[in-house]
Amino acid sequence: MNHLVASTKGREGKIYKVLSGKVFDLPTDLDNPKIYNSDYKLEDDEWFHIPNFSNEDYCLDFLKRQFISTDYDQIGTIDINNLLFLCSYQTGIYYFQKITPSLIVNKKWFKIGEPVIENQSPIIVINEIPDAVYVKSEDTLYFKDISSLTSIFKGIIELYKEATQLETEEFLRSEFIKLGEGYDALKVKTANRKRIALAMETIKGFSTREKSTIYSYIKDYCSEKLSFDEEESKFKINNEDELKHLLWGIEQRYYTTPVGNEKMVANSVSKV
């Protein structure tokens, strides 16, 4: 059978049974999932996925067990504002929706066919598309926006990697970077810290020759965006925008169109 359960907030959060019945439809576009990358922008028909999800520390315990509805008490009269998420179990597939204030409606309402004004209880709105889908037979979690999952799966934020202050300082001390006066690691914002985390991993795999090739590539595509000191062989970085272009260059996001010969930059990339 199909069952909807809800979890309360807090360290001692408890799962309650809400009702029986189907709530969500299985998305039809889960067949081409992407490994999560904070710098990749999904197309409308794409999802991120985490395979072997039950092996992750942030996998919820009740996903690792057989779902038995009688294990959960009926929800009763719990404060709706104390609910954290909904989970609809539908024949081996779990659909998650985070409960946010915007989904709790405190207005008068009535249902067509039974036009009686209701205003005693707030309403929880069910989204058409769930925040996450866990397919137990595949042991895979699918999602589109990791920020909606961080309160449900404690620790999943580790995928949303951002360079620490020390890592940022270390990167900006790289042999190919010269910081302009007034710009330092304290001024590097979240978006570039994520790019730095990715770039540091990329650079690790480069040989000396490959690094030289990348520097030439960046100089070619970013001559109008970045100053390069030929004598010191360093890119001069004065602000966030210049750092962004350098990081894009390290990830080889620049390309030239075969028709028109125009220089372009890819907003997000994935391997084919």
C-alpha atoms as a PDB file:
ATOM      1  CA  MET A   1       0.000   0.000   0.000  1.00  0.00           C
ATOM      2  CA  ASN A   2       0.923   3.662  -0.232  1.00  0.00           C
ATOM      3  CA  HIS A   3       1.422   5.744   2.894  1.00  0.00           C
ATOM      4  CA  LEU A   4       2.276   9.346   3.692  1.00  0.00           C
ATOM      5  CA  VAL A   5       4.386   9.975   6.792  1.00  0.00           C
ATOM      6  CA  ALA A   6       5.734  13.168   8.339  1.00  0.00           C
ATOM      7  CA  SER A   7       8.808  13.843  10.448  1.00  0.00           C
ATOM      8  CA  THR A   8       9.010  16.372  13.262  1.00  0.00           C
ATOM      9  CA  LYS A   9      11.925  18.745  13.781  1.00  0.00           C
ATOM     10  CA  GLY A  10      14.707  18.506  16.346  1.00  0.00           C
ATOM     11  CA  ARG A  11      17.312  16.014  17.449  1.00  0.00           C
ATOM     12  CA  GLU A  12      14.572  13.702  18.715  1.00  0.00           C
ATOM     13  CA  GLY A  13      12.499  14.092  15.562  1.00  0.00           C
ATOM     14  CA  LYS A  14       9.896  11.368  15.200  1.00  0.00           C
ATOM     15  CA  ILE A  15       8.131   9.965  12.137  1.00  0.00           C
ATOM     16  CA  TYR A  16       4.315   9.800  12.168  1.00  0.00           C
ATOM     17  CA  LYS A  17       1.789   8.235   9.821  1.00  0.00           C
ATOM     18  CA  VAL A  18      -0.452  10.843   8.168  1.00  0.00           C
ATOM     19  CA  LEU A  19      -2.681   8.985   5.697  1.00  0.00           C
ATOM     20  CA  SER A  20      -2.862   6.116   3.234  1.00  0.00           C
ATOM     21  CA  GLY A  21      -2.886   6.788  -0.500  1.00  0.00           C
ATOM     22  CA  LYS A  22      -0.788   7.917  -3.440  1.00  0.00           C
ATOM     23  CA  VAL A  23       0.588  11.463  -3.279  1.00  0.00           C
ATOM     24  CA  PHE A  24       3.260  11.812  -6.001  1.00  0.00           C
ATOM     25  CA  ASP A  25       3.797  10.493  -9.509  1.00  0.00           C
ATOM     26  CA  LEU A  26       7.184   9.049 -10.412  1.00  0.00           C
ATOM     27  CA  PRO A  27       9.066  11.562 -12.604  1.00  0.00           C
ATOM     28  CA  THR A  28       9.552  10.246 -16.127  1.00  0.00           C
ATOM     29  CA  ASP A  29      12.985  11.850 -16.582  1.00  0.00           C
ATOM     30  CA  LEU A  30      15.155   9.969 -14.073  1.00  0.00           C
ATOM     31  CA  ASP A  31      16.926   7.990 -16.790  1.00  0.00           C
ATOM     32  CA  ASN A  32      19.835  10.374 -17.378  1.00  0.00           C
ATOM     33  CA  PRO A  33      20.991  11.441 -13.907  1.00  0.00           C
ATOM     34  CA  LYS A  34      24.092  13.504 -13.141  1.00  0.00           C
ATOM     35  CA  ILE A  35      26.577  13.043 -10.321  1.00  0.00           C
ATOM     36  CA  TYR A  36      26.181  16.097  -8.096  1.00  0.00           C
ATOM     37  CA  ASN A  37      28.377  19.063  -8.990  1.00  0.00           C
ATOM     38  CA  SER A  38      27.583  22.411  -7.345  1.00  0.00           C
ATOM     39  CA  ASP A  39      28.810  24.229 -10.448  1.00  0.00           C
ATOM     40  CA  TYR A  40      26.589  22.321 -12.877  1.00  0.00           C
ATOM     41  CA  LYS A  41      23.181  23.741 -13.820  1.00  0.00           C
ATOM     42  CA  LEU A  42      20.610  21.054 -14.526  1.00  0.00           C
ATOM     43  CA  GLU A  43      18.472  21.106 -17.645  1.00  0.00           C
ATOM     44  CA  ASP A  44      14.717  20.951 -17.001  1.00  0.00           C
ATOM     45  CA  ASP A  45      14.648  17.194 -17.662  1.00  0.00           C
ATOM     46  CA  GLU A  46      17.716  16.305 -15.578  1.00  0.00           C
ATOM     47  CA  TRP A  47      18.213  15.210 -11.970  1.00  0.00           C
ATOM     48  CA  PHE A  48      21.253  14.760  -9.779  1.00  0.00           C
ATOM     49  CA  HIS A  49      21.647  11.362  -8.169  1.00  0.00           C
ATOM     50  CA  ILE A  50      23.559   9.642  -5.379  1.00  0.00           C
ATOM     51  CA  PRO A  51      24.036   5.903  -6.057  1.00  0.00           C
ATOM     52  CA  ASN A  52      24.539   3.429  -3.179  1.00  0.00           C
ATOM     53  CA  PHE A  53      22.726   5.936  -0.995  1.00  0.00           C
ATOM     54  CA  SER A  54      22.189   3.574   1.935  1.00  0.00           C
ATOM     55  CA  ASN A  55      25.976   3.486   2.446  1.00  0.00           C
ATOM     56  CA  GLU A  56      26.108   7.235   3.064  1.00  0.00           C
ATOM     57  CA  ASP A  57      26.229   8.491   6.657  1.00  0.00           C
ATOM     58  CA  TYR A  58      23.405  10.927   5.935  1.00  0.00           C
ATOM     59  CA  CYS A  59      20.977   8.239   4.732  1.00  0.00           C
ATOM     60  CA  LEU A  60      17.975   8.102   7.085  1.00  0.00           C
ATOM     61  CA  ASP A  61      17.706   4.927   9.139  1.00  0.00           C
ATOM     62  CA  PHE A  62      14.104   4.223   8.174  1.00  0.00           C
ATOM     63  CA  LEU A  63      15.151   4.005   4.492  1.00  0.00           C
ATOM     64  CA  LYS A  64      17.431   1.103   5.346  1.00  0.00           C
ATOM     65  CA  ARG A  65      14.604  -0.937   6.827  1.00  0.00           C
ATOM     66  CA  GLN A  66      11.511  -2.500   5.325  1.00  0.00           C
ATOM     67  CA  PHE A  67       8.652  -0.015   5.399  1.00  0.00           C
ATOM     68  CA  ILE A  68       5.939  -1.205   7.783  1.00  0.00           C
ATOM     69  CA  SER A  69       3.179   1.332   8.355  1.00  0.00           C
ATOM     70  CA  THR A  70       2.269  -0.053  11.776  1.00  0.00           C
ATOM     71  CA  ASP A  71       5.710   0.998  13.048  1.00  0.00           C
ATOM     72  CA  TYR A  72       4.493   4.612  13.068  1.00  0.00           C
ATOM     73  CA  ASP A  73       1.902   6.298  15.294  1.00  0.00           C
ATOM     74  CA  GLN A  74      -0.904   8.330  13.748  1.00  0.00           C
ATOM     75  CA  ILE A  75       0.032  11.998  13.656  1.00  0.00           C
ATOM     76  CA  GLY A  76      -2.816  13.325  15.789  1.00  0.00           C
ATOM     77  CA  THR A  77      -2.811  17.012  16.782  1.00  0.00           C
ATOM     78  CA  ILE A  78       0.877  17.873  16.439  1.00  0.00           C
ATOM     79  CA  ASP A  79       1.780  21.541  15.854  1.00  0.00           C
ATOM     80  CA  ILE A  80       2.064  21.851  12.074  1.00  0.00           C
ATOM     81  CA  ASN A  81       4.958  24.294  12.459  1.00  0.00           C
ATOM     82  CA  ASN A  82       6.974  21.538  14.132  1.00  0.00           C
ATOM     83  CA  LEU A  83       6.966  19.353  11.019  1.00  0.00           C
ATOM     84  CA  LEU A  84      10.201  19.034   9.034  1.00  0.00           C
ATOM     85  CA  PHE A  85       9.305  16.987   5.968  1.00  0.00           C
ATOM     86  CA  LEU A  86       6.750  14.717   4.345  1.00  0.00           C
ATOM     87  CA  CYS A  87       7.642  11.336   2.874  1.00  0.00           C
ATOM     88  CA  SER A  88       5.295   9.374   0.667  1.00  0.00           C
ATOM     89  CA  TYR A  89       6.086   5.657   0.504  1.00  0.00           C
ATOM     90  CA  GLN A  90       4.718   4.231  -2.736  1.00  0.00           C
ATOM     91  CA  THR A  91       5.609   0.610  -3.534  1.00  0.00           C
ATOM     92  CA  GLY A  92       9.310   0.729  -2.765  1.00  0.00           C
ATOM     93  CA  ILE A  93       9.823   4.352  -3.757  1.00  0.00           C
ATOM     94  CA  TYR A  94      10.097   7.199  -1.249  1.00  0.00           C
ATOM     95  CA  TYR A  95       9.124  10.757  -2.230  1.00  0.00           C
ATOM     96  CA  PHE A  96      10.343  13.597  -0.022  1.00  0.00           C
ATOM     97  CA  GLN A  97       9.062  17.125   0.399  1.00  0.00           C
ATOM     98  CA  LYS A  98      10.554  19.616   2.815  1.00  0.00           C
ATOM     99  CA  ILE A  99       7.953  21.624   4.726  1.00  0.00           C
ATOM    100  CA  THR A 100       8.677  25.338   4.536  1.00  0.00           C
ATOM    101  CA  PRO A 101       6.602  28.285   5.812  1.00  0.00           C
ATOM    102  CA  SER A 102       5.586  29.098   2.227  1.00  0.00           C
ATOM    103  CA  LEU A 103       3.875  25.686   1.976  1.00  0.00           C
ATOM    104  CA  ILE A 104       1.767  26.242   5.109  1.00  0.00           C
ATOM    105  CA  VAL A 105      -1.337  28.216   4.174  1.00  0.00           C
ATOM    106  CA  ASN A 106      -3.381  29.903   6.916  1.00  0.00           C
ATOM    107  CA  LYS A 107      -6.368  31.153   4.916  1.00  0.00           C
ATOM    108  CA  LYS A 108     -10.050  30.458   4.596  1.00  0.00           C
ATOM    109  CA  TRP A 109     -10.834  27.921   1.894  1.00  0.00           C
ATOM    110  CA  PHE A 110     -13.527  25.655   0.504  1.00  0.00           C
ATOM    111  CA  LYS A 111     -13.640  22.641  -1.815  1.00  0.00           C
ATOM    112  CA  ILE A 112     -15.730  22.656  -4.999  1.00  0.00           C
ATOM    113  CA  GLY A 113     -18.613  20.235  -4.540  1.00  0.00           C
ATOM    114  CA  GLU A 114     -18.605  20.773  -0.761  1.00  0.00           C
ATOM    115  CA  PRO A 115     -18.734  24.582  -0.504  1.00  0.00           C
ATOM    116  CA  VAL A 116     -18.292  24.960   3.203  1.00  0.00           C
ATOM    117  CA  ILE A 117     -15.892  27.637   4.454  1.00  0.00           C
ATOM    118  CA  GLU A 118     -13.008  26.101   6.399  1.00  0.00           C
ATOM    119  CA  ASN A 119     -10.639  28.149   8.533  1.00  0.00           C
ATOM    120  CA  GLN A 120      -9.883  26.114  11.618  1.00  0.00           C
ATOM    121  CA  SER A 121      -6.672  24.447  10.468  1.00  0.00           C
ATOM    122  CA  PRO A 122      -3.727  25.533   8.289  1.00  0.00           C
ATOM    123  CA  ILE A 123      -3.156  23.652   5.047  1.00  0.00           C
ATOM    124  CA  ILE A 124       0.083  22.016   3.861  1.00  0.00           C
ATOM    125  CA  VAL A 125       0.515  22.389   0.109  1.00  0.00           C
ATOM    126  CA  ILE A 126       1.866  19.379  -1.788  1.00  0.00           C
ATOM    127  CA  ASN A 127       4.186  20.288  -4.649  1.00  0.00           C
ATOM    128  CA  GLU A 128       3.726  18.630  -8.019  1.00  0.00           C
ATOM    129  CA  ILE A 129       7.389  17.531  -8.083  1.00  0.00           C
ATOM    130  CA  PRO A 130       8.998  16.150  -4.899  1.00  0.00           C
ATOM    131  CA  ASP A 131      12.267  17.534  -3.543  1.00  0.00           C
ATOM    132  CA  ALA A 132      13.831  14.067  -3.689  1.00  0.00           C
ATOM    133  CA  VAL A 133      13.019  10.540  -4.814  1.00  0.00           C
ATOM    134  CA  TYR A 134      14.647   7.471  -3.272  1.00  0.00           C
ATOM    135  CA  VAL A 135      14.265   4.276  -5.335  1.00  0.00           C
ATOM    136  CA  LYS A 136      15.050   1.474  -2.914  1.00  0.00           C
ATOM    137  CA  SER A 137      15.549  -1.239  -5.551  1.00  0.00           C
ATOM    138  CA  GLU A 138      18.299   0.912  -7.122  1.00  0.00           C
ATOM    139  CA  ASP A 139      19.533   2.285  -3.767  1.00  0.00           C
ATOM    140  CA  THR A 140      19.637   5.692  -5.448  1.00  0.00           C
ATOM    141  CA  LEU A 141      18.517   9.138  -4.333  1.00  0.00           C
ATOM    142  CA  TYR A 142      17.453  11.618  -7.018  1.00  0.00           C
ATOM    143  CA  PHE A 143      17.125  15.361  -6.435  1.00  0.00           C
ATOM    144  CA  LYS A 144      17.309  18.718  -8.195  1.00  0.00           C
ATOM    145  CA  ASP A 145      18.260  21.232  -5.495  1.00  0.00           C
ATOM    146  CA  ILE A 146      20.512  20.103  -2.682  1.00  0.00           C
ATOM    147  CA  SER A 147      19.634  23.134  -0.551  1.00  0.00           C
ATOM    148  CA  SER A 148      16.140  21.685  -0.036  1.00  0.00           C
ATOM    149  CA  LEU A 149      17.635  18.473   1.397  1.00  0.00           C
ATOM    150  CA  THR A 150      20.170  19.729   3.913  1.00  0.00           C
ATOM    151  CA  SER A 151      17.672  19.737   6.794  1.00  0.00           C
ATOM    152  CA  ILE A 152      16.259  16.323   5.839  1.00  0.00           C
ATOM    153  CA  PHE A 153      19.518  14.424   5.309  1.00  0.00           C
ATOM    154  CA  LYS A 154      21.911  15.748   7.938  1.00  0.00           C
ATOM    155  CA  GLY A 155      25.433  15.834   6.519  1.00  0.00           C
ATOM    156  CA  ILE A 156      24.509  15.842   2.821  1.00  0.00           C
ATOM    157  CA  ILE A 157      25.858  19.397   2.755  1.00  0.00           C
ATOM    158  CA  GLU A 158      29.316  17.824   2.396  1.00  0.00           C
ATOM    159  CA  LEU A 159      28.469  17.418  -1.304  1.00  0.00           C
ATOM    160  CA  TYR A 160      27.964  21.168  -1.526  1.00  0.00           C
ATOM    161  CA  LYS A 161      31.671  21.673  -1.177  1.00  0.00           C
ATOM    162  CA  GLU A 162      33.048  25.130  -0.665  1.00  0.00           C
ATOM    163  CA  ALA A 163      36.711  25.979  -0.166  1.00  0.00           C
ATOM    164  CA  THR A 164      37.516  26.840   3.453  1.00  0.00           C
ATOM    165  CA  GLN A 165      39.276  30.063   4.372  1.00  0.00           C
ATOM    166  CA  LEU A 166      42.603  28.209   4.591  1.00  0.00           C
ATOM    167  CA  GLU A 167      42.040  26.499   1.227  1.00  0.00           C
ATOM    168  CA  THR A 168      41.106  29.820  -0.346  1.00  0.00           C
ATOM    169  CA  GLU A 169      44.250  31.456   1.020  1.00  0.00           C
ATOM    170  CA  GLU A 170      46.324  28.525  -0.202  1.00  0.00           C
ATOM    171  CA  PHE A 171      44.876  28.752  -3.698  1.00  0.00           C
ATOM    172  CA  LEU A 172      45.456  32.497  -3.931  1.00  0.00           C
ATOM    173  CA  ARG A 173      49.113  31.878  -3.048  1.00  0.00           C
ATOM    174  CA  SER A 174      49.474  29.681  -6.150  1.00  0.00           C
ATOM    175  CA  GLU A 175      52.547  30.297  -8.277  1.00  0.00           C
ATOM    176  CA  PHE A 176      50.458  31.569 -11.186  1.00  0.00           C
ATOM    177  CA  ILE A 177      48.477  34.169  -9.192  1.00  0.00           C
ATOM    178  CA  LYS A 178      49.428  37.686  -8.153  1.00  0.00           C
ATOM    179  CA  LEU A 179      46.851  39.490  -6.028  1.00  0.00           C
ATOM    180  CA  GLY A 180      46.126  43.129  -6.647  1.00  0.00           C
ATOM    181  CA  GLU A 181      46.287  45.592  -3.790  1.00  0.00           C
ATOM    182  CA  GLY A 182      43.158  45.479  -1.646  1.00  0.00           C
ATOM    183  CA  TYR A 183      42.016  42.017  -2.750  1.00  0.00           C
ATOM    184  CA  ASP A 184      42.554  38.948  -0.578  1.00  0.00           C
ATOM    185  CA  ALA A 185      40.935  35.706   0.574  1.00  0.00           C
ATOM    186  CA  LEU A 186      38.546  37.527   2.917  1.00  0.00           C
ATOM    187  CA  LYS A 187      36.883  39.138  -0.103  1.00  0.00           C
ATOM    188  CA  VAL A 188      36.243  35.838  -1.924  1.00  0.00           C
ATOM    189  CA  LYS A 189      32.530  35.072  -1.868  1.00  0.00           C
ATOM    190  CA  THR A 190      30.623  31.787  -1.843  1.00  0.00           C
ATOM    191  CA  ALA A 191      30.328  31.289  -5.624  1.00  0.00           C
ATOM    192  CA  ASN A 192      34.082  31.605  -6.160  1.00  0.00           C
ATOM    193  CA  ARG A 193      34.859  29.482  -3.101  1.00  0.00           C
ATOM    194  CA  LYS A 194      32.891  26.645  -4.710  1.00  0.00           C
ATOM    195  CA  ARG A 195      34.807  27.169  -7.946  1.00  0.00           C
ATOM    196  CA  ILE A 196      38.102  27.188  -6.031  1.00  0.00           C
ATOM    197  CA  ALA A 197      37.239  23.830  -4.415  1.00  0.00           C
ATOM    198  CA  LEU A 198      36.625  22.383  -7.882  1.00  0.00           C
ATOM    199  CA  ALA A 199      39.700  24.038  -9.422  1.00  0.00           C
ATOM    200  CA  MET A 200      42.008  22.733  -6.696  1.00  0.00           C
ATOM    201  CA  GLU A 201      40.903  19.176  -7.458  1.00  0.00           C
ATOM    202  CA  THR A 202      41.372  19.781 -11.192  1.00  0.00           C
ATOM    203  CA  ILE A 203      44.866  21.231 -10.848  1.00  0.00           C
ATOM    204  CA  LYS A 204      45.993  18.265  -8.763  1.00  0.00           C
ATOM    205  CA  GLY A 205      45.721  16.077 -11.844  1.00  0.00           C
ATOM    206  CA  PHE A 206      47.741  18.374 -14.124  1.00  0.00           C
ATOM    207  CA  SER A 207      51.344  17.712 -15.086  1.00  0.00           C
ATOM    208  CA  THR A 208      53.764  20.632 -15.444  1.00  0.00           C
ATOM    209  CA  ARG A 209      53.231  20.617 -19.219  1.00  0.00           C
ATOM    210  CA  GLU A 210      49.440  20.545 -18.822  1.00  0.00           C
ATOM    211  CA  LYS A 211      49.575  23.496 -16.437  1.00  0.00           C
ATOM    212  CA  SER A 212      51.561  25.451 -19.005  1.00  0.00           C
ATOM    213  CA  THR A 213      48.985  24.562 -21.660  1.00  0.00           C
ATOM    214  CA  ILE A 214      46.149  25.740 -19.417  1.00  0.00           C
ATOM    215  CA  TYR A 215      47.881  29.058 -18.697  1.00  0.00           C
ATOM    216  CA  SER A 216      48.277  29.675 -22.439  1.00  0.00           C
ATOM    217  CA  TYR A 217      44.642  28.715 -22.987  1.00  0.00           C
ATOM    218  CA  ILE A 218      43.479  31.185 -20.317  1.00  0.00           C
ATOM    219  CA  LYS A 219      45.675  33.956 -21.737  1.00  0.00           C
ATOM    220  CA  ASP A 220      44.213  33.368 -25.193  1.00  0.00           C
ATOM    221  CA  TYR A 221      40.578  33.489 -24.113  1.00  0.00           C
ATOM    222  CA  CYS A 222      40.800  36.020 -21.264  1.00  0.00           C
ATOM    223  CA  SER A 223      43.175  38.636 -22.624  1.00  0.00           C
ATOM    224  CA  GLU A 224      40.503  41.306 -22.160  1.00  0.00           C
ATOM    225  CA  LYS A 225      39.426  40.039 -18.744  1.00  0.00           C
ATOM    226  CA  LEU A 226      42.744  39.200 -17.054  1.00  0.00           C
ATOM    227  CA  SER A 227      46.152  40.873 -16.903  1.00  0.00           C
ATOM    228  CA  PHE A 228      49.100  38.514 -17.272  1.00  0.00           C
ATOM    229  CA  ASP A 229      52.565  39.509 -16.067  1.00  0.00           C
ATOM    230  CA  GLU A 230      54.886  37.915 -18.624  1.00  0.00           C
ATOM    231  CA  GLU A 231      57.965  38.563 -16.517  1.00  0.00           C
ATOM    232  CA  GLU A 232      56.576  36.834 -13.426  1.00  0.00           C
ATOM    233  CA  SER A 233      54.297  34.428 -15.363  1.00  0.00           C
ATOM    234  CA  LYS A 234      51.355  35.308 -13.124  1.00  0.00           C
ATOM    235  CA  PHE A 235      47.738  36.323 -13.616  1.00  0.00           C
ATOM    236  CA  LYS A 236      46.925  39.486 -11.707  1.00  0.00           C
ATOM    237  CA  ILE A 237      43.664  39.150  -9.792  1.00  0.00           C
ATOM    238  CA  ASN A 238      42.079  42.356  -8.516  1.00  0.00           C
ATOM    239  CA  ASN A 239      38.475  41.363  -7.888  1.00  0.00           C
ATOM    240  CA  GLU A 240      35.837  38.619  -7.869  1.00  0.00           C
ATOM    241  CA  ASP A 241      35.087  38.855 -11.590  1.00  0.00           C
ATOM    242  CA  GLU A 242      38.718  38.356 -12.582  1.00  0.00           C
ATOM    243  CA  LEU A 243      39.022  35.413 -10.201  1.00  0.00           C
ATOM    244  CA  LYS A 244      35.871  33.887 -11.728  1.00  0.00           C
ATOM    245  CA  HIS A 245      37.341  34.056 -15.232  1.00  0.00           C
ATOM    246  CA  LEU A 246      40.587  32.475 -14.056  1.00  0.00           C
ATOM    247  CA  LEU A 247      38.668  29.629 -12.413  1.00  0.00           C
ATOM    248  CA  TRP A 248      36.539  29.107 -15.509  1.00  0.00           C
ATOM    249  CA  GLY A 249      39.759  28.876 -17.495  1.00  0.00           C
ATOM    250  CA  ILE A 250      41.157  26.190 -15.211  1.00  0.00           C
ATOM    251  CA  GLU A 251      37.991  24.172 -15.861  1.00  0.00           C
ATOM    252  CA  GLN A 252      38.405  24.780 -19.634  1.00  0.00           C
ATOM    253  CA  ARG A 253      34.984  26.332 -20.049  1.00  0.00           C
ATOM    254  CA  TYR A 254      35.981  28.593 -22.910  1.00  0.00           C
ATOM    255  CA  TYR A 255      35.470  27.448 -26.482  1.00  0.00           C
ATOM    256  CA  THR A 256      35.214  28.754 -30.026  1.00  0.00           C
ATOM    257  CA  THR A 257      32.134  28.058 -32.130  1.00  0.00           C
ATOM    258  CA  PRO A 258      32.836  26.091 -35.334  1.00  0.00           C
ATOM    259  CA  VAL A 259      30.348  28.326 -37.173  1.00  0.00           C
ATOM    260  CA  GLY A 260      31.035  32.023 -36.759  1.00  0.00           C
ATOM    261  CA  ASN A 261      34.321  31.461 -34.923  1.00  0.00           C
ATOM    262  CA  GLU A 262      32.951  33.193 -31.828  1.00  0.00           C
ATOM    263  CA  LYS A 263      34.588  32.833 -28.412  1.00  0.00           C
ATOM    264  CA  MET A 264      32.099  31.605 -25.818  1.00  0.00           C
ATOM    265  CA  VAL A 265      32.029  30.409 -22.223  1.00  0.00           C
ATOM    266  CA  ALA A 266      29.942  27.469 -21.026  1.00  0.00           C
ATOM    267  CA  ASN A 267      27.743  28.321 -18.050  1.00  0.00           C
ATOM    268  CA  SER A 268      27.978  24.707 -16.853  1.00  0.00           C
ATOM    269  CA  VAL A 269      29.664  21.589 -18.185  1.00  0.00           C
ATOM    270  CA  SER A 270      29.442  17.801 -17.969  1.00  0.00           C
ATOM    271  CA  LYS A 271      31.397  14.993 -19.580  1.00  0.00           C
ATOM    272  CA  VAL A 272      29.904  13.192 -22.582  1.00  0.00           C
END
